[in-house]
Protein backbone atom coordinates (compact mmCIF):
# COMPACT_ATOMS: atom_id res chain seq x y z
CA MET A 1 2.76 -9.76 52.12
CA GLY A 2 2.22 -6.11 52.84
CA ASN A 3 5.87 -5.21 51.43
CA TYR A 4 5.00 -7.04 48.44
CA GLN A 5 1.74 -5.26 47.80
CA GLU A 6 3.43 -1.98 48.47
CA ASN A 7 6.08 -2.84 45.82
CA ILE A 8 3.38 -3.64 43.35
CA ASN A 9 1.47 -0.35 43.87
CA PHE A 10 4.64 1.52 43.59
CA ALA A 11 5.58 -0.11 40.39
CA VAL A 12 1.93 0.45 38.94
CA GLN A 13 1.96 4.01 40.14
CA SER A 14 5.48 4.71 38.58
CA VAL A 15 4.83 2.75 35.36
CA ILE A 16 1.19 3.91 34.26
CA PRO A 17 1.99 7.65 34.12
CA ASN A 18 4.82 7.11 31.94
CA ILE A 19 2.93 4.87 29.60
CA MET A 20 -0.29 7.33 29.37
CA GLN A 21 1.50 10.62 29.35
CA ILE A 22 2.27 11.75 25.91
CA LYS A 23 3.59 15.18 24.68
CA THR A 24 1.24 17.99 24.36
CA PRO A 25 0.65 19.66 20.86
CA ALA A 26 3.02 22.54 21.96
CA GLU A 27 5.71 20.03 23.23
CA ILE A 28 5.34 18.12 19.78
CA LEU A 29 6.06 21.39 17.83
CA ASN A 30 8.97 22.20 19.94
CA ALA A 31 10.26 18.60 19.48
CA SER A 32 9.94 19.03 15.65
CA ILE A 33 11.92 22.17 15.69
CA ARG A 34 14.86 20.61 17.48
CA VAL A 35 14.72 17.80 15.01
CA ALA A 36 14.55 19.94 11.97
CA SER A 37 17.46 22.00 13.19
CA GLY A 38 19.60 18.73 13.31
CA LYS A 39 18.29 17.65 9.84
CA ILE A 40 19.48 21.02 8.44
CA GLU A 41 22.81 20.97 10.09
CA THR A 42 23.32 17.39 8.60
CA THR A 43 22.26 18.73 5.11
CA VAL A 44 25.00 21.44 5.26
CA ARG A 45 27.88 19.66 7.06
CA HIS A 46 27.29 15.90 6.09
CA PRO A 47 25.47 15.68 2.73
CA ARG A 48 26.81 12.25 2.11
CA ARG A 49 25.37 11.00 5.63
CA LEU A 50 22.02 12.65 4.68
CA LEU A 51 22.21 10.85 1.36
CA VAL A 52 22.86 7.44 2.93
CA ALA A 53 19.86 8.00 5.43
CA ALA A 54 17.43 8.99 2.39
CA ILE A 55 18.68 5.66 0.59
CA ALA A 56 17.89 3.85 3.72
CA ALA A 57 14.36 5.50 3.93
CA GLY A 58 13.61 4.59 0.48
CA ILE A 59 14.47 1.02 1.14
CA PHE A 60 12.24 1.07 4.22
CA ILE A 61 9.30 2.31 2.30
CA ALA A 62 9.84 -0.19 -0.43
CA ILE A 63 9.72 -2.80 2.54
CA GLY A 64 6.25 -1.66 3.41
CA GLY A 65 5.27 -1.71 -0.21
CA ILE A 66 6.09 -5.35 -0.90
CA LEU A 67 4.73 -6.50 2.32
CA SER A 68 1.50 -4.50 1.59
CA LEU A 69 1.18 -6.08 -1.86
CA THR A 70 2.12 -9.56 -0.64
CA VAL A 71 -0.49 -9.62 2.21
CA GLY A 72 -3.20 -7.29 0.68
CA PHE A 73 -3.39 -9.34 -2.66
CA GLY A 74 -2.59 -12.63 -1.18
CA PHE A 75 -6.32 -13.73 -0.52
CA GLN A 76 -7.96 -13.63 -3.96
CA GLY A 77 -11.17 -15.57 -2.87
CA ILE A 78 -11.87 -13.75 0.31
CA SER A 79 -10.76 -10.45 -1.01
CA SER A 80 -13.02 -10.79 -4.16
CA GLU A 81 -16.33 -11.21 -1.95
CA ASN A 82 -15.18 -8.66 0.40
CA PRO A 83 -13.69 -5.68 -1.50
CA SER A 84 -12.46 -3.60 1.63
CA LEU A 85 -10.54 -6.58 3.09
CA CYS A 86 -7.71 -6.10 0.38
CA LYS A 87 -7.42 -2.52 1.32
CA ILE A 88 -7.43 -3.12 5.08
CA LEU A 89 -4.78 -5.85 4.90
CA ALA A 90 -2.64 -3.74 2.69
CA GLY A 91 -3.05 -0.72 5.07
CA ALA A 92 -2.29 -2.74 8.18
CA THR A 93 0.89 -3.95 6.90
CA PHE A 94 2.40 -0.81 4.87
CA PRO A 95 3.19 1.14 7.98
CA VAL A 96 6.18 -0.81 8.90
CA GLY A 97 7.98 1.39 6.18
CA LEU A 98 7.42 4.71 8.22
CA ILE A 99 7.96 2.98 11.54
CA LEU A 100 11.41 1.95 10.60
CA VAL A 101 12.05 5.43 9.13
CA VAL A 102 10.90 7.18 12.30
CA VAL A 103 12.47 4.89 14.87
CA LEU A 104 15.74 4.36 12.99
CA GLY A 105 16.48 7.99 12.16
CA ALA A 106 16.09 7.76 8.36
CA GLU A 107 15.43 10.63 5.90
CA LEU A 108 12.06 10.63 4.20
CA PHE A 109 11.14 13.34 1.63
CA THR A 110 7.49 13.33 2.70
CA GLY A 111 8.25 13.40 6.25
CA ASN A 112 10.46 16.30 5.89
CA ASN A 113 7.93 18.20 4.08
CA ALA A 114 6.34 18.92 7.43
CA MET A 115 9.27 18.54 9.72
CA LEU A 116 11.22 21.39 8.42
CA ILE A 117 8.40 23.86 8.13
CA PRO A 118 8.09 25.02 11.90
CA ALA A 119 11.58 25.78 12.23
CA TYR A 120 11.74 27.54 8.92
CA MET A 121 8.66 29.67 10.06
CA GLU A 122 10.68 30.54 13.14
CA ARG A 123 13.40 31.78 11.00
CA LYS A 124 16.15 29.50 12.08
CA TYR A 125 17.20 28.81 8.69
CA GLY A 126 16.20 29.86 5.19
CA PHE A 127 14.19 28.21 2.61
CA THR A 128 17.07 27.48 0.59
CA SER A 129 18.29 24.93 2.92
CA VAL A 130 14.81 23.40 3.09
CA LEU A 131 15.02 23.01 -0.58
CA ALA A 132 18.40 21.39 -0.46
CA ASN A 133 17.26 18.90 2.15
CA TRP A 134 14.15 18.15 0.28
CA SER A 135 15.89 17.65 -3.12
CA LEU A 136 18.85 15.34 -1.84
CA VAL A 137 16.43 13.56 0.11
CA TYR A 138 14.17 12.77 -2.67
CA VAL A 139 17.06 11.52 -4.84
CA GLY A 140 18.10 9.45 -2.22
CA ASN A 141 14.66 7.84 -1.57
CA PHE A 142 14.40 7.04 -5.20
CA ILE A 143 17.77 5.39 -5.33
CA GLY A 144 16.82 3.22 -2.21
CA ALA A 145 13.34 2.30 -3.35
CA VAL A 146 14.37 1.38 -6.84
CA LEU A 147 17.49 -0.64 -5.87
CA PHE A 148 15.66 -2.58 -3.16
CA THR A 149 12.75 -3.30 -5.62
CA TYR A 150 14.92 -4.37 -8.42
CA LEU A 151 17.34 -6.75 -6.21
CA PHE A 152 15.08 -7.98 -3.38
CA VAL A 153 11.77 -8.09 -5.17
CA TYR A 154 11.94 -8.28 -9.07
CA GLN A 155 15.25 -10.43 -8.98
CA THR A 156 14.04 -12.83 -6.25
CA GLY A 157 10.70 -13.22 -8.16
CA LEU A 158 8.45 -12.28 -5.13
CA THR A 159 5.91 -10.91 -7.76
CA ALA A 160 6.58 -13.30 -10.56
CA SER A 161 3.54 -15.31 -10.19
CA ASP A 162 -0.08 -14.49 -9.70
CA PRO A 163 -1.79 -13.24 -8.04
CA TRP A 164 1.01 -10.54 -7.32
CA HIS A 165 2.20 -10.46 -10.93
CA SER A 166 -1.30 -9.33 -12.13
CA ALA A 167 -1.91 -7.16 -9.15
CA ILE A 168 1.22 -4.94 -9.52
CA ILE A 169 0.59 -4.54 -13.15
CA LYS A 170 -2.93 -3.58 -12.47
CA ILE A 171 -1.61 -1.00 -9.75
CA GLY A 172 0.88 0.57 -12.23
CA ILE A 173 -1.70 1.04 -14.89
CA ALA A 174 -4.05 2.54 -12.59
CA LYS A 175 -1.71 4.82 -11.07
CA THR A 176 -0.76 6.26 -14.51
CA SER A 177 -4.40 6.56 -15.62
CA MET A 178 -5.87 8.87 -13.18
CA GLY A 179 -6.23 12.62 -14.25
CA TRP A 180 -3.51 15.05 -13.09
CA LEU A 181 -5.78 16.80 -10.70
CA THR A 182 -6.89 13.59 -9.13
CA VAL A 183 -3.23 12.59 -8.40
CA PHE A 184 -2.38 15.88 -7.13
CA LEU A 185 -5.48 15.84 -4.67
CA LYS A 186 -4.58 12.31 -3.68
CA GLY A 187 -1.12 13.34 -3.12
CA ILE A 188 -2.33 16.03 -0.62
CA GLY A 189 -4.40 13.48 1.30
CA ALA A 190 -1.46 10.82 1.40
CA ASN A 191 1.24 13.19 2.94
CA TRP A 192 -1.30 14.99 5.24
CA PHE A 193 -1.87 11.64 6.71
CA VAL A 194 1.76 10.58 6.64
CA CYS A 195 2.87 13.66 8.45
CA LEU A 196 0.07 13.28 10.90
CA GLY A 197 1.70 9.96 11.72
CA VAL A 198 5.12 11.63 12.09
CA TRP A 199 3.53 14.09 14.44
CA LEU A 200 1.83 11.57 16.54
CA ALA A 201 5.08 9.54 16.74
CA LEU A 202 6.87 12.77 18.07
CA ALA A 203 4.43 12.63 20.89
CA GLY A 204 5.44 9.28 22.04
CA HIS A 205 8.30 8.26 24.40
CA ASN A 206 8.81 4.44 23.77
CA LEU A 207 8.67 2.16 20.75
CA LEU A 208 4.98 1.04 21.11
CA GLU A 209 3.79 4.64 21.25
CA LYS A 210 5.92 5.83 18.26
CA ALA A 211 4.99 2.86 16.07
CA PHE A 212 1.30 3.11 16.94
CA GLY A 213 1.43 6.93 16.21
CA CYS A 214 3.00 6.11 12.74
CA TRP A 215 0.62 3.13 12.10
CA LEU A 216 -2.85 4.49 12.44
CA PRO A 217 -2.76 7.46 10.04
CA VAL A 218 -0.65 5.87 7.38
CA MET A 219 -3.00 2.62 7.53
CA ALA A 220 -5.87 5.10 6.72
CA PHE A 221 -4.23 6.73 3.75
CA VAL A 222 -3.47 3.30 2.16
CA VAL A 223 -7.04 2.17 2.75
CA LEU A 224 -8.30 5.28 1.07
CA GLY A 225 -6.07 4.99 -1.90
CA TYR A 226 -4.13 8.21 -1.83
CA GLU A 227 -0.88 8.73 -3.79
CA HIS A 228 2.40 8.89 -1.87
CA CYS A 229 5.36 9.72 -4.29
CA ILE A 230 7.87 7.54 -2.46
CA ALA A 231 5.79 4.50 -2.28
CA ASN A 232 5.12 5.04 -5.93
CA MET A 233 8.84 4.83 -6.44
CA PHE A 234 8.40 1.27 -5.38
CA TYR A 235 5.09 0.48 -7.23
CA LEU A 236 5.64 2.14 -10.54
CA PRO A 237 9.24 0.68 -11.22
CA LEU A 238 8.03 -2.82 -10.20
CA ALA A 239 4.89 -2.66 -12.69
CA MET A 240 7.40 -1.71 -15.40
CA MET A 241 9.72 -4.55 -14.36
CA GLU A 242 6.89 -6.95 -14.58
CA GLY A 243 5.74 -5.97 -17.84
CA ALA A 244 3.08 -3.20 -17.31
CA PRO A 245 2.36 -1.43 -20.65
CA ILE A 246 3.45 1.91 -18.96
CA THR A 247 6.67 4.17 -19.79
CA ALA A 248 8.91 5.94 -17.41
CA TRP A 249 7.80 9.14 -18.75
CA GLU A 250 4.22 8.16 -18.02
CA CYS A 251 5.10 7.30 -14.52
CA ILE A 252 7.08 10.46 -13.93
CA TRP A 253 4.31 12.88 -15.68
CA ARG A 254 1.17 11.26 -14.93
CA ASN A 255 1.99 10.27 -11.24
CA LEU A 256 5.24 11.23 -9.56
CA ILE A 257 5.16 14.86 -10.60
CA PRO A 258 1.41 15.71 -9.35
CA ALA A 259 1.78 13.38 -6.34
CA THR A 260 4.99 15.04 -5.25
CA ILE A 261 3.58 18.41 -5.55
CA GLY A 262 0.39 17.26 -3.45
CA ASN A 263 2.60 15.72 -1.04
CA ILE A 264 4.58 18.80 -0.16
CA ILE A 265 1.29 20.75 0.16
CA GLY A 266 -0.25 18.02 2.38
CA GLY A 267 2.90 17.98 4.67
CA ALA A 268 4.09 21.55 4.48
CA LEU A 269 0.77 23.28 4.57
CA PHE A 270 -1.67 21.03 6.48
CA VAL A 271 0.72 19.77 9.07
CA GLY A 272 3.88 21.79 9.34
CA CYS A 273 2.35 25.37 8.93
CA LEU A 274 -0.94 24.53 10.61
CA HIS A 275 0.53 23.10 13.86
CA TRP A 276 2.98 25.91 13.96
CA TYR A 277 0.32 28.31 13.68
CA LEU A 278 -1.92 26.76 16.34
CA HIS A 279 0.79 25.83 18.96
CA ARG A 280 3.68 28.33 18.55
CA GLU A 281 4.69 30.45 21.36
CA ARG A 282 3.05 33.88 21.34
CA ASN A 283 4.50 36.79 23.05
């Protein structure tokens, strides 16, 4: 009995510190610099591999989008009496996209807005390399999101009937009816939160820690209604496919452009630059 109790105590003492101990802010920063250097090397030496990883990320975000839409708008009676419930349900399910991106090593434009900045500030590569990565990943994310949306959402009829048909049309109209400044500011908020999720995921050591790190801030941005350009590469094309009275140009000019600019600022400035300034090594 004594040996059994000793083994239990040893197991608890060994496991609990590993569960509870996460990286410090300075260690997170150093981890981001190591990851970013690998991303830039892939950009330069293996652009096709980068493009495939970016397409995968676009698919993953679209998966989060359709799951969020299906769950968030699937309880009409309950949601109409509890307006926040729809947002909470959508927010609780959408983060699966970012969790897949982070854990499986896909390339997400908005995550890279923050991830590549600290190493750039350390002068490990030039801004041309950053722009090359962002550009290729943005294109790949768009391809992945639209392909998945068309083949696995629209063609399979997941949003062909109400309440989801009406919901996606309303979402598309709403996203292209806001003012440019409003979308821009909501874009800053969205990627500030998303990149905080990426930063928290870097702090974790196991799947549970990384998943929860992604989940909490991303859930918050969805509940608050901020604008994420890659997510909108799912919502806006799907709204058009389902017959929303919006044009491709309206989607691009009224939403994707201001949301993208805002996302860059929210990720690069509010996360990448800020955390580099706060936690970099000083001589």
